[in-house]
């Protein structure tokens, strides 16, 4: 999946404008990254 989708070690907006990181992980309210700014780096253990 990583080869097809890619992997980002930062918060980015997906094609619908939702904050996402890693291999398409949607950031939801119970995630530690919830509310983080787009472009914020994510630790590799969270991806």
PDB file of N, CA and C in Angstrom:
ATOM      1  N   UNK A   1       0.816  -1.189   0.000  1.00  0.00           N
ATOM      2  CA  UNK A   1       0.000   0.000   0.000  1.00  0.00           C
ATOM      3  C   UNK A   1       0.866   1.262   0.000  1.00  0.00           C
ATOM      4  N   UNK A   2       1.950   1.238   0.773  1.00  0.00           N
ATOM      5  CA  UNK A   2       2.825   2.413   0.824  1.00  0.00           C
ATOM      6  C   UNK A   2       3.378   2.750  -0.554  1.00  0.00           C
ATOM      7  N   UNK A   3       3.693   1.743  -1.338  1.00  0.00           N
ATOM      8  CA  UNK A   3       4.225   1.982  -2.683  1.00  0.00           C
ATOM      9  C   UNK A   3       3.181   2.678  -3.547  1.00  0.00           C
ATOM     10  N   UNK A   4       1.929   2.244  -3.461  1.00  0.00           N
ATOM     11  CA  UNK A   4       0.856   2.834  -4.265  1.00  0.00           C
ATOM     12  C   UNK A   4       0.434   4.209  -3.763  1.00  0.00           C
ATOM     13  N   UNK A   5       0.275   4.338  -2.457  1.00  0.00           N
ATOM     14  CA  UNK A   5      -0.275   5.556  -1.866  1.00  0.00           C
ATOM     15  C   UNK A   5       0.782   6.566  -1.439  1.00  0.00           C
ATOM     16  N   UNK A   6       1.984   6.093  -1.117  1.00  0.00           N
ATOM     17  CA  UNK A   6       3.000   6.968  -0.555  1.00  0.00           C
ATOM     18  C   UNK A   6       2.811   7.085   0.950  1.00  0.00           C
ATOM     19  N   UNK A   7       3.769   7.673   1.602  1.00  0.00           N
ATOM     20  CA  UNK A   7       3.714   7.829   3.051  1.00  0.00           C
ATOM     21  C   UNK A   7       4.264   9.205   3.402  1.00  0.00           C
ATOM     22  N   UNK A   8       3.494   9.962   4.192  1.00  0.00           N
ATOM     23  CA  UNK A   8       3.926  11.298   4.584  1.00  0.00           C
ATOM     24  C   UNK A   8       4.067  11.360   6.095  1.00  0.00           C
ATOM     25  N   UNK A   9       5.217  11.837   6.529  1.00  0.00           N
ATOM     26  CA  UNK A   9       5.509  11.966   7.953  1.00  0.00           C
ATOM     27  C   UNK A   9       5.197  13.379   8.438  1.00  0.00           C
ATOM     28  N   UNK A  10       4.080  13.893   7.991  1.00  0.00           N
ATOM     29  CA  UNK A  10       3.593  15.199   8.421  1.00  0.00           C
ATOM     30  C   UNK A  10       2.090  15.254   8.187  1.00  0.00           C
ATOM     31  N   UNK A  11       1.438  16.195   8.844  1.00  0.00           N
ATOM     32  CA  UNK A  11       0.015  16.415   8.628  1.00  0.00           C
ATOM     33  C   UNK A  11      -0.152  17.088   7.263  1.00  0.00           C
ATOM     34  N   UNK A  12      -1.062  16.554   6.470  1.00  0.00           N
ATOM     35  CA  UNK A  12      -1.391  17.155   5.177  1.00  0.00           C
ATOM     36  C   UNK A  12      -2.892  17.064   4.972  1.00  0.00           C
ATOM     37  N   UNK A  13      -3.419  17.798   4.006  1.00  0.00           N
ATOM     38  CA  UNK A  13      -4.836  17.726   3.688  1.00  0.00           C
ATOM     39  C   UNK A  13      -5.048  16.731   2.559  1.00  0.00           C
ATOM     40  N   UNK A  14      -5.997  15.815   2.752  1.00  0.00           N
ATOM     41  CA  UNK A  14      -6.295  14.847   1.698  1.00  0.00           C
ATOM     42  C   UNK A  14      -7.090  15.528   0.580  1.00  0.00           C
ATOM     43  N   UNK A  15      -7.514  14.763  -0.409  1.00  0.00           N
ATOM     44  CA  UNK A  15      -8.197  15.341  -1.569  1.00  0.00           C
ATOM     45  C   UNK A  15      -9.553  15.956  -1.212  1.00  0.00           C
ATOM     46  N   UNK A  16     -10.074  15.664  -0.036  1.00  0.00           N
ATOM     47  CA  UNK A  16     -11.325  16.266   0.418  1.00  0.00           C
ATOM     48  C   UNK A  16     -11.100  17.404   1.412  1.00  0.00           C
ATOM     49  N   UNK A  17      -9.818  17.667   1.721  1.00  0.00           N
ATOM     50  CA  UNK A  17      -9.482  18.752   2.629  1.00  0.00           C
ATOM     51  C   UNK A  17      -9.411  18.371   4.097  1.00  0.00           C
ATOM     52  N   UNK A  18      -9.389  17.061   4.392  1.00  0.00           N
ATOM     53  CA  UNK A  18      -9.309  16.592   5.774  1.00  0.00           C
ATOM     54  C   UNK A  18      -7.858  16.363   6.191  1.00  0.00           C
ATOM     55  N   UNK A  19      -7.511  16.710   7.443  1.00  0.00           N
ATOM     56  CA  UNK A  19      -6.148  16.474   7.915  1.00  0.00           C
ATOM     57  C   UNK A  19      -5.858  14.979   7.986  1.00  0.00           C
ATOM     58  N   UNK A  20      -4.692  14.618   7.477  1.00  0.00           N
ATOM     59  CA  UNK A  20      -4.314  13.227   7.280  1.00  0.00           C
ATOM     60  C   UNK A  20      -2.816  13.112   7.502  1.00  0.00           C
ATOM     61  N   UNK A  21      -2.325  11.892   7.792  1.00  0.00           N
ATOM     62  CA  UNK A  21      -0.883  11.654   7.832  1.00  0.00           C
ATOM     63  C   UNK A  21      -0.606  10.200   7.536  1.00  0.00           C
ATOM     64  N   UNK A  22       0.666   9.889   7.365  1.00  0.00           N
ATOM     65  CA  UNK A  22       1.066   8.505   7.101  1.00  0.00           C
ATOM     66  C   UNK A  22       0.592   8.028   5.745  1.00  0.00           C
ATOM     67  N   UNK A  23      -0.029   6.857   5.737  1.00  0.00           N
ATOM     68  CA  UNK A  23      -0.564   6.289   4.502  1.00  0.00           C
ATOM     69  C   UNK A  23      -2.075   6.473   4.537  1.00  0.00           C
ATOM     70  N   UNK A  24      -2.508   7.729   4.454  1.00  0.00           N
ATOM     71  CA  UNK A  24      -3.931   8.030   4.407  1.00  0.00           C
ATOM     72  C   UNK A  24      -4.685   7.907   5.716  1.00  0.00           C
ATOM     73  N   UNK A  25      -3.995   8.066   6.865  1.00  0.00           N
ATOM     74  CA  UNK A  25      -4.683   8.007   8.161  1.00  0.00           C
ATOM     75  C   UNK A  25      -5.390   9.330   8.422  1.00  0.00           C
ATOM     76  N   UNK A  26      -6.716   9.299   8.427  1.00  0.00           N
ATOM     77  CA  UNK A  26      -7.512  10.475   8.739  1.00  0.00           C
ATOM     78  C   UNK A  26      -7.346  10.814  10.216  1.00  0.00           C
ATOM     79  N   UNK A  27      -7.013  12.060  10.512  1.00  0.00           N
ATOM     80  CA  UNK A  27      -6.861  12.493  11.900  1.00  0.00           C
ATOM     81  C   UNK A  27      -8.265  12.693  12.486  1.00  0.00           C
ATOM     82  N   UNK A  28      -8.544  11.970  13.562  1.00  0.00           N
ATOM     83  CA  UNK A  28      -9.841  12.079  14.231  1.00  0.00           C
ATOM     84  C   UNK A  28      -9.646  12.608  15.646  1.00  0.00           C
ATOM     85  N   UNK A  29     -10.745  12.954  16.291  1.00  0.00           N
ATOM     86  CA  UNK A  29     -10.698  13.649  17.578  1.00  0.00           C
ATOM     87  C   UNK A  29      -9.898  12.924  18.658  1.00  0.00           C
ATOM     88  N   UNK A  30      -9.876  11.601  18.666  1.00  0.00           N
ATOM     89  CA  UNK A  30      -9.137  10.889  19.718  1.00  0.00           C
ATOM     90  C   UNK A  30      -7.651  10.693  19.395  1.00  0.00           C
ATOM     91  N   UNK A  31      -7.198  11.131  18.216  1.00  0.00           N
ATOM     92  CA  UNK A  31      -5.775  11.054  17.866  1.00  0.00           C
ATOM     93  C   UNK A  31      -4.992  12.145  18.594  1.00  0.00           C
ATOM     94  N   UNK A  32      -3.765  11.842  19.049  1.00  0.00           N
ATOM     95  CA  UNK A  32      -2.933  12.878  19.671  1.00  0.00           C
ATOM     96  C   UNK A  32      -2.666  14.049  18.721  1.00  0.00           C
ATOM     97  N   UNK A  33      -2.704  13.791  17.420  1.00  0.00           N
ATOM     98  CA  UNK A  33      -2.406  14.816  16.417  1.00  0.00           C
ATOM     99  C   UNK A  33      -3.606  15.706  16.088  1.00  0.00           C
ATOM    100  N   UNK A  34      -4.745  15.433  16.685  1.00  0.00           N
ATOM    101  CA  UNK A  34      -5.955  16.212  16.411  1.00  0.00           C
ATOM    102  C   UNK A  34      -5.713  17.688  16.720  1.00  0.00           C
ATOM    103  N   UNK A  35      -6.003  18.545  15.758  1.00  0.00           N
ATOM    104  CA  UNK A  35      -5.833  19.980  15.935  1.00  0.00           C
ATOM    105  C   UNK A  35      -4.461  20.507  15.561  1.00  0.00           C
ATOM    106  N   UNK A  36      -3.547  19.616  15.196  1.00  0.00           N
ATOM    107  CA  UNK A  36      -2.209  20.054  14.792  1.00  0.00           C
ATOM    108  C   UNK A  36      -2.275  20.756  13.438  1.00  0.00           C
ATOM    109  N   UNK A  37      -1.366  21.678  13.226  1.00  0.00           N
ATOM    110  CA  UNK A  37      -1.285  22.432  11.976  1.00  0.00           C
ATOM    111  C   UNK A  37      -0.826  21.543  10.823  1.00  0.00           C
ATOM    112  N   UNK A  38      -1.343  21.831   9.632  1.00  0.00           N
ATOM    113  CA  UNK A  38      -0.854  21.173   8.419  1.00  0.00           C
ATOM    114  C   UNK A  38       0.637  21.456   8.294  1.00  0.00           C
ATOM    115  N   UNK A  39       1.416  20.437   7.967  1.00  0.00           N
ATOM    116  CA  UNK A  39       2.860  20.576   7.840  1.00  0.00           C
ATOM    117  C   UNK A  39       3.629  20.153   9.082  1.00  0.00           C
ATOM    118  N   UNK A  40       2.927  19.927  10.198  1.00  0.00           N
ATOM    119  CA  UNK A  40       3.585  19.480  11.422  1.00  0.00           C
ATOM    120  C   UNK A  40       4.131  18.073  11.229  1.00  0.00           C
ATOM    121  N   UNK A  41       5.373  17.851  11.607  1.00  0.00           N
ATOM    122  CA  UNK A  41       6.006  16.536  11.472  1.00  0.00           C
ATOM    123  C   UNK A  41       5.377  15.527  12.420  1.00  0.00           C
ATOM    124  N   UNK A  42       5.324  14.275  11.959  1.00  0.00           N
ATOM    125  CA  UNK A  42       4.780  13.164  12.732  1.00  0.00           C
ATOM    126  C   UNK A  42       5.906  12.176  13.007  1.00  0.00           C
ATOM    127  N   UNK A  43       5.999  11.699  14.241  1.00  0.00           N
ATOM    128  CA  UNK A  43       7.009  10.706  14.606  1.00  0.00           C
ATOM    129  C   UNK A  43       6.764   9.410  13.837  1.00  0.00           C
ATOM    130  N   UNK A  44       7.832   8.747  13.458  1.00  0.00           N
ATOM    131  CA  UNK A  44       7.721   7.527  12.650  1.00  0.00           C
ATOM    132  C   UNK A  44       6.929   6.427  13.348  1.00  0.00           C
ATOM    133  N   UNK A  45       6.934   6.377  14.677  1.00  0.00           N
ATOM    134  CA  UNK A  45       6.176   5.322  15.369  1.00  0.00           C
ATOM    135  C   UNK A  45       4.667   5.514  15.256  1.00  0.00           C
ATOM    136  N   UNK A  46       4.216   6.706  14.882  1.00  0.00           N
ATOM    137  CA  UNK A  46       2.786   6.982  14.713  1.00  0.00           C
ATOM    138  C   UNK A  46       2.299   6.665  13.303  1.00  0.00           C
ATOM    139  N   UNK A  47       3.222   6.443  12.387  1.00  0.00           N
ATOM    140  CA  UNK A  47       2.822   6.217  10.990  1.00  0.00           C
ATOM    141  C   UNK A  47       2.625   4.745  10.733  1.00  0.00           C
TER     142      UNK A  47
END
